[in-house]
Amino acid sequence: MLDNPNDAIRPDFTMGEYTNARARLIDKGIADDALAAEALDTIWTLNNEAVKDTWAEQEEDEQRQAQEACHHAAELDQERQRALEDELTAACKEELKKNKAKFIPVSNAKIPTIPVIIPSNYAVRKLKAGEYCELYYFTNRGLNEAKRNLLSMEPQGMILLPRADGQQIWVNADETRDSKAIITKDENLSWEDFNEAAPRIIVAM
């Protein structure tokens, strides 16, 4: 049904174009022309009401079909979205397996504001052994010298050193004191050098 019966205009059955229709009703027993026009009007009204009911059912069917179509489209969209999410999850897992180093969590630790003190290997070995170590190695000059040695690419090799029990032991050359290096004794340090070295050696101990 294409035309909405609710928009239909009631005809005027008293007009001449309905003369034959009125005459047939008069032949069937309707008393006069006016009553025949009223009968035609009643018949039209009853037919129009029936068509309105059919139209309403048609609209309900169309609305239901439209809702079902929308619901089906939404389900398909959700399925596509889930499939896409599953695909992305699988791709992320595969990427994580192949490149674990790229996904190492970044630490929230603050950047240290206190400079890192790295004394010479000789001074470290002395402190670990609980032996006396000159403060010179913790002055600015001593630390700069240790830094230069640390950055040096030349291999230091191994040397033999006597132990307290008289036995000899192999140690890295950079863990020994360079006989050519000029080391300032503690009692000859300036107050400036002493103030630099004392807190550092305490922390290192």
Protein backbone atom coordinates (compact mmCIF):
# COMPACT_ATOMS: atom_id res chain seq x y z
CA MET A 1 0.00 0.00 0.00
CA LEU A 2 1.54 3.26 -1.18
CA ASP A 3 -1.03 5.93 -0.32
CA ASN A 4 -1.73 6.83 3.30
CA PRO A 5 -5.52 6.42 3.88
CA ASN A 6 -5.29 8.95 6.70
CA ASP A 7 -4.72 11.60 4.02
CA ALA A 8 -7.74 10.52 1.93
CA ILE A 9 -10.42 13.22 1.34
CA ARG A 10 -14.06 12.15 1.78
CA PRO A 11 -15.93 12.53 -1.55
CA ASP A 12 -19.18 14.47 -1.88
CA PHE A 13 -21.57 11.70 -2.90
CA THR A 14 -24.33 14.22 -3.73
CA MET A 15 -22.35 15.32 -6.82
CA GLY A 16 -23.43 14.35 -10.31
CA GLU A 17 -20.49 11.97 -10.84
CA TYR A 18 -22.07 9.64 -8.25
CA THR A 19 -25.57 9.68 -9.84
CA ASN A 20 -25.29 6.11 -11.19
CA ALA A 21 -24.08 4.84 -7.78
CA ARG A 22 -27.04 6.47 -6.04
CA ALA A 23 -29.46 5.10 -8.66
CA ARG A 24 -28.23 1.53 -8.08
CA LEU A 25 -28.85 1.92 -4.35
CA ILE A 26 -32.36 3.34 -5.00
CA ASP A 27 -33.05 0.30 -7.22
CA LYS A 28 -32.05 -1.91 -4.26
CA GLY A 29 -34.58 -0.27 -1.95
CA ILE A 30 -33.05 3.01 -0.73
CA ALA A 31 -35.97 5.51 -0.43
CA ASP A 32 -34.50 8.55 -2.19
CA ASP A 33 -31.41 10.21 -3.63
CA ALA A 34 -30.35 11.87 -0.33
CA LEU A 35 -30.42 8.60 1.58
CA ALA A 36 -28.50 6.94 -1.23
CA ALA A 37 -25.77 9.62 -0.90
CA GLU A 38 -25.62 9.01 2.87
CA ALA A 39 -25.31 5.26 2.27
CA LEU A 40 -22.40 5.81 -0.12
CA ASP A 41 -20.76 8.06 2.46
CA THR A 42 -21.14 5.37 5.15
CA ILE A 43 -19.72 2.68 2.85
CA TRP A 44 -16.70 4.89 2.02
CA THR A 45 -16.10 5.60 5.73
CA LEU A 46 -16.18 1.91 6.64
CA ASN A 47 -13.77 1.02 3.83
CA ASN A 48 -11.43 3.87 4.79
CA GLU A 49 -11.33 2.75 8.42
CA ALA A 50 -10.45 -0.80 7.35
CA VAL A 51 -7.67 0.50 5.08
CA LYS A 52 -6.36 2.66 7.97
CA ASP A 53 -6.03 -0.48 10.13
CA THR A 54 -4.13 -2.23 7.34
CA TRP A 55 -1.89 0.83 6.93
CA ALA A 56 -1.14 0.90 10.67
CA GLU A 57 -0.16 -2.79 10.60
CA GLN A 58 2.05 -2.13 7.59
CA GLU A 59 3.80 0.73 9.40
CA GLU A 60 4.35 -1.44 12.47
CA ASP A 61 5.87 -4.17 10.28
CA GLU A 62 8.16 -1.66 8.58
CA GLN A 63 9.28 -0.19 11.91
CA ARG A 64 9.94 -3.65 13.34
CA GLN A 65 11.93 -4.64 10.26
CA ALA A 66 13.92 -1.39 10.47
CA GLN A 67 14.68 -1.98 14.16
CA GLU A 68 15.73 -5.56 13.45
CA ALA A 69 17.96 -4.37 10.63
CA CYS A 70 19.57 -1.75 12.90
CA HIS A 71 20.03 -4.33 15.67
CA HIS A 72 21.61 -6.77 13.21
CA ALA A 73 23.89 -4.06 11.84
CA ALA A 74 24.94 -3.13 15.39
CA GLU A 75 25.74 -6.78 16.18
CA LEU A 76 27.82 -7.08 13.01
CA ASP A 77 29.66 -3.88 13.91
CA GLN A 78 30.37 -5.20 17.43
CA GLU A 79 31.64 -8.48 15.97
CA ARG A 80 33.93 -6.60 13.58
CA GLN A 81 35.15 -4.43 16.47
CA ARG A 82 35.87 -7.49 18.63
CA ALA A 83 37.66 -9.18 15.74
CA LEU A 84 39.76 -6.06 15.20
CA GLU A 85 40.59 -5.83 18.93
CA ASP A 86 41.54 -9.53 19.00
CA GLU A 87 43.75 -9.01 15.96
CA LEU A 88 45.45 -5.99 17.52
CA THR A 89 45.94 -7.87 20.81
CA ALA A 90 47.50 -10.82 18.98
CA ALA A 91 49.76 -8.46 17.00
CA CYS A 92 50.86 -6.69 20.22
CA LYS A 93 51.64 -10.02 21.89
CA GLU A 94 53.66 -11.11 18.86
CA GLU A 95 55.52 -7.80 18.82
CA LEU A 96 56.20 -8.16 22.55
CA LYS A 97 57.66 -11.63 21.99
CA LYS A 98 59.92 -10.44 19.17
CA ASN A 99 61.07 -7.18 20.74
CA LYS A 100 60.93 -7.53 24.52
CA ALA A 101 63.57 -4.84 24.98
CA LYS A 102 61.27 -2.20 23.45
CA PHE A 103 58.66 -2.77 26.15
CA ILE A 104 60.82 -2.65 29.27
CA PRO A 105 59.01 -0.36 31.77
CA VAL A 106 60.64 3.00 32.30
CA SER A 107 61.64 3.54 35.88
CA ASN A 108 60.03 6.41 37.77
CA ALA A 109 63.17 6.90 39.81
CA LYS A 110 64.34 10.50 40.05
CA ILE A 111 67.58 11.59 38.44
CA PRO A 112 70.29 11.53 41.13
CA THR A 113 71.36 14.99 42.20
CA ILE A 114 74.45 13.75 44.07
CA PRO A 115 77.40 13.03 41.77
CA VAL A 116 78.55 9.40 41.66
CA ILE A 117 82.00 8.96 43.18
CA ILE A 118 84.13 6.33 41.39
CA PRO A 119 87.55 6.00 43.01
CA SER A 120 90.40 4.00 41.51
CA ASN A 121 90.34 0.19 41.58
CA TYR A 122 93.36 0.33 43.86
CA ALA A 123 91.46 2.41 46.45
CA VAL A 124 88.41 0.15 46.19
CA ARG A 125 90.54 -2.97 46.73
CA LYS A 126 92.18 -1.38 49.77
CA LEU A 127 88.83 -0.46 51.35
CA LYS A 128 87.36 -3.90 50.67
CA ALA A 129 90.36 -5.52 52.30
CA GLY A 130 90.02 -3.19 55.31
CA GLU A 131 93.49 -1.77 54.69
CA TYR A 132 94.72 1.77 55.00
CA CYS A 133 94.00 3.92 51.94
CA GLU A 134 95.34 7.43 51.37
CA LEU A 135 92.80 10.25 51.28
CA TYR A 136 94.45 11.46 48.08
CA TYR A 137 92.49 8.93 46.05
CA PHE A 138 89.23 10.68 47.09
CA THR A 139 90.35 14.23 46.29
CA ASN A 140 89.32 15.85 43.02
CA ARG A 141 92.77 15.15 41.59
CA GLY A 142 92.66 11.51 42.63
CA LEU A 143 89.18 10.99 41.23
CA ASN A 144 90.09 12.68 37.94
CA GLU A 145 93.08 10.39 37.63
CA ALA A 146 90.86 7.37 38.33
CA LYS A 147 88.42 8.57 35.68
CA ARG A 148 91.19 8.86 33.09
CA ASN A 149 92.36 5.35 33.86
CA LEU A 150 88.81 4.02 33.73
CA LEU A 151 88.24 5.53 30.28
CA SER A 152 91.56 4.22 28.99
CA MET A 153 91.18 1.40 26.46
CA GLU A 154 94.66 -0.02 27.08
CA PRO A 155 94.66 -3.46 28.81
CA GLN A 156 96.23 -3.33 32.27
CA GLY A 157 97.24 -6.98 32.59
CA MET A 158 97.93 -8.98 35.77
CA ILE A 159 100.77 -8.77 38.29
CA LEU A 160 101.89 -10.78 41.32
CA LEU A 161 101.58 -9.22 44.78
CA PRO A 162 102.63 -10.65 48.16
CA ARG A 163 99.91 -11.37 50.69
CA ALA A 164 100.10 -10.92 54.46
CA ASP A 165 100.87 -14.65 54.87
CA GLY A 166 103.83 -14.43 52.52
CA GLN A 167 102.07 -16.08 49.60
CA GLN A 168 101.73 -14.31 46.25
CA ILE A 169 98.51 -13.60 44.44
CA TRP A 170 97.65 -12.47 40.93
CA VAL A 171 95.72 -9.18 40.79
CA ASN A 172 94.72 -6.76 38.05
CA ALA A 173 97.37 -4.15 37.45
CA ASP A 174 94.82 -1.34 37.85
CA GLU A 175 94.18 -2.53 41.42
CA THR A 176 97.75 -1.66 42.41
CA ARG A 177 99.31 1.70 42.99
CA ASP A 178 101.32 3.10 40.13
CA SER A 179 104.87 3.49 41.39
CA LYS A 180 105.33 6.47 39.06
CA ALA A 181 102.24 8.30 40.35
CA ILE A 182 102.81 11.16 42.79
CA ILE A 183 100.59 10.54 45.83
CA THR A 184 100.18 13.28 48.40
CA LYS A 185 100.34 11.89 51.92
CA ASP A 186 97.44 12.59 54.25
CA GLU A 187 99.45 14.91 56.46
CA ASN A 188 100.48 16.99 53.44
CA LEU A 189 96.97 17.48 52.07
CA SER A 190 95.61 21.01 52.00
CA TRP A 191 92.45 21.75 53.98
CA GLU A 192 90.60 22.04 50.70
CA ASP A 193 91.76 18.55 49.60
CA PHE A 194 90.97 17.13 53.04
CA ASN A 195 87.44 18.58 53.00
CA GLU A 196 86.92 17.03 49.56
CA ALA A 197 88.24 13.59 50.43
CA ALA A 198 87.05 12.97 54.02
CA PRO A 199 83.26 12.84 53.31
CA ARG A 200 83.84 10.74 50.19
CA ILE A 201 85.95 8.08 51.83
CA ILE A 202 83.44 7.83 54.71
CA VAL A 203 80.63 7.19 52.24
CA ALA A 204 82.76 4.65 50.33
CA MET A 205 83.57 2.79 53.51
